[in-house]
């Protein structure tokens, strides 16, 4: 997700469910970037762009 190692998992006493809540929707920006790269790559391929 682009966070430093142990950013959430290194907090003592934080349960797994609390770790997931702390992360929230943090993955959304990275997924959006991946989707845009995929779509832009398809624009460069005439077979896929049609």
N, C-alpha and C. Protein backbone atom coordinates (compact mmCIF):
# COMPACT_ATOMS: atom_id res chain seq x y z
N UNK A 1 0.81 -1.19 0.00
CA UNK A 1 0.00 0.00 0.00
C UNK A 1 0.86 1.25 0.00
N UNK A 2 2.15 1.10 -0.03
CA UNK A 2 3.02 2.26 -0.03
C UNK A 2 3.33 2.82 1.34
N UNK A 3 2.95 2.11 2.39
CA UNK A 3 3.24 2.55 3.75
C UNK A 3 4.56 1.95 4.21
N UNK A 4 5.23 2.62 5.15
CA UNK A 4 6.46 2.04 5.68
C UNK A 4 6.18 0.69 6.36
N UNK A 5 7.17 -0.18 6.36
CA UNK A 5 7.02 -1.49 6.98
C UNK A 5 6.62 -1.33 8.45
N UNK A 6 5.68 -2.13 8.89
CA UNK A 6 5.16 -2.14 10.27
C UNK A 6 4.43 -0.86 10.65
N UNK A 7 3.98 -0.08 9.68
CA UNK A 7 3.25 1.17 9.94
C UNK A 7 2.03 0.90 10.82
N UNK A 8 1.32 -0.18 10.55
CA UNK A 8 0.15 -0.54 11.35
C UNK A 8 0.41 -1.81 12.14
N UNK A 9 1.09 -2.77 11.52
CA UNK A 9 1.28 -4.07 12.17
C UNK A 9 2.27 -4.02 13.33
N UNK A 10 3.08 -2.99 13.43
CA UNK A 10 4.06 -2.90 14.49
C UNK A 10 3.55 -2.21 15.75
N UNK A 11 2.26 -1.92 15.80
CA UNK A 11 1.70 -1.25 16.98
C UNK A 11 1.34 -2.32 18.01
N UNK A 12 2.00 -2.30 19.17
CA UNK A 12 1.72 -3.32 20.20
C UNK A 12 0.27 -3.29 20.66
N UNK A 13 -0.33 -4.48 20.79
CA UNK A 13 -1.68 -4.60 21.32
C UNK A 13 -2.80 -4.30 20.33
N UNK A 14 -2.47 -3.99 19.09
CA UNK A 14 -3.49 -3.68 18.09
C UNK A 14 -3.94 -4.98 17.43
N UNK A 15 -5.22 -5.32 17.58
CA UNK A 15 -5.73 -6.57 17.02
C UNK A 15 -5.77 -6.50 15.50
N UNK A 16 -5.92 -7.65 14.87
CA UNK A 16 -5.99 -7.70 13.40
C UNK A 16 -7.14 -6.86 12.88
N UNK A 17 -8.31 -6.98 13.51
CA UNK A 17 -9.46 -6.20 13.05
C UNK A 17 -9.22 -4.70 13.24
N UNK A 18 -8.54 -4.32 14.31
CA UNK A 18 -8.22 -2.90 14.53
C UNK A 18 -7.21 -2.41 13.49
N UNK A 19 -6.27 -3.29 13.11
CA UNK A 19 -5.31 -2.92 12.07
C UNK A 19 -6.03 -2.65 10.75
N UNK A 20 -6.98 -3.53 10.40
CA UNK A 20 -7.72 -3.35 9.15
C UNK A 20 -8.57 -2.09 9.18
N UNK A 21 -9.17 -1.79 10.33
CA UNK A 21 -9.95 -0.55 10.46
C UNK A 21 -9.03 0.67 10.31
N UNK A 22 -7.83 0.60 10.87
CA UNK A 22 -6.90 1.72 10.79
C UNK A 22 -6.47 1.98 9.35
N UNK A 23 -6.36 0.93 8.58
CA UNK A 23 -5.97 1.09 7.17
C UNK A 23 -7.10 1.65 6.33
N UNK A 24 -8.33 1.32 6.70
CA UNK A 24 -9.50 1.86 6.01
C UNK A 24 -9.43 1.67 4.51
N UNK A 25 -9.65 2.73 3.78
CA UNK A 25 -9.66 2.69 2.32
C UNK A 25 -8.33 3.11 1.73
N UNK A 26 -7.25 2.88 2.46
CA UNK A 26 -5.93 3.30 2.01
C UNK A 26 -5.49 2.67 0.71
N UNK A 27 -6.08 1.56 0.33
CA UNK A 27 -5.69 0.88 -0.90
C UNK A 27 -6.32 1.54 -2.13
N UNK A 28 -7.34 2.32 -1.94
CA UNK A 28 -8.08 2.90 -3.06
C UNK A 28 -7.19 3.71 -4.00
N UNK A 29 -6.34 4.65 -3.52
CA UNK A 29 -5.51 5.41 -4.46
C UNK A 29 -4.59 4.51 -5.29
N UNK A 30 -3.99 3.50 -4.69
CA UNK A 30 -3.09 2.61 -5.43
C UNK A 30 -3.86 1.82 -6.49
N UNK A 31 -5.08 1.39 -6.16
CA UNK A 31 -5.89 0.66 -7.13
C UNK A 31 -6.30 1.57 -8.28
N UNK A 32 -6.59 2.83 -7.99
CA UNK A 32 -6.95 3.78 -9.03
C UNK A 32 -5.79 4.00 -9.99
N UNK A 33 -4.60 4.12 -9.45
CA UNK A 33 -3.41 4.29 -10.30
C UNK A 33 -3.21 3.07 -11.18
N UNK A 34 -3.35 1.88 -10.61
CA UNK A 34 -3.19 0.65 -11.40
C UNK A 34 -4.23 0.59 -12.52
N UNK A 35 -5.47 0.97 -12.22
CA UNK A 35 -6.52 0.95 -13.25
C UNK A 35 -6.21 1.95 -14.36
N UNK A 36 -5.76 3.13 -14.00
CA UNK A 36 -5.42 4.14 -15.02
C UNK A 36 -4.28 3.66 -15.91
N UNK A 37 -3.26 3.05 -15.32
CA UNK A 37 -2.15 2.53 -16.12
C UNK A 37 -2.66 1.46 -17.09
N UNK A 38 -3.52 0.60 -16.62
CA UNK A 38 -4.07 -0.45 -17.48
C UNK A 38 -4.84 0.16 -18.64
N UNK A 39 -5.69 1.13 -18.34
CA UNK A 39 -6.50 1.76 -19.39
C UNK A 39 -5.62 2.53 -20.37
N UNK A 40 -4.62 3.25 -19.87
CA UNK A 40 -3.74 4.00 -20.77
C UNK A 40 -2.92 3.07 -21.66
N UNK A 41 -2.50 1.93 -21.12
CA UNK A 41 -1.78 0.94 -21.93
C UNK A 41 -2.67 0.43 -23.05
N UNK A 42 -3.96 0.24 -22.76
CA UNK A 42 -4.89 -0.23 -23.79
C UNK A 42 -5.09 0.79 -24.89
N UNK A 43 -5.01 2.06 -24.56
CA UNK A 43 -5.14 3.10 -25.59
C UNK A 43 -4.00 3.03 -26.59
N UNK A 44 -2.83 2.62 -26.14
CA UNK A 44 -1.66 2.51 -27.01
C UNK A 44 -1.72 1.28 -27.91
N UNK A 45 -2.61 0.33 -27.61
CA UNK A 45 -2.73 -0.91 -28.38
C UNK A 45 -3.96 -0.79 -29.27
N UNK A 46 -3.79 -0.64 -30.58
CA UNK A 46 -4.93 -0.44 -31.49
C UNK A 46 -5.95 -1.59 -31.41
N UNK A 47 -5.49 -2.80 -31.15
CA UNK A 47 -6.41 -3.94 -31.08
C UNK A 47 -7.34 -3.83 -29.87
N UNK A 48 -6.81 -3.35 -28.74
CA UNK A 48 -7.60 -3.26 -27.52
C UNK A 48 -8.41 -1.97 -27.46
N UNK A 49 -7.97 -0.93 -28.15
CA UNK A 49 -8.63 0.37 -28.07
C UNK A 49 -9.96 0.37 -28.82
N UNK A 50 -10.11 -0.53 -29.76
CA UNK A 50 -11.33 -0.53 -30.60
C UNK A 50 -12.55 -1.02 -29.87
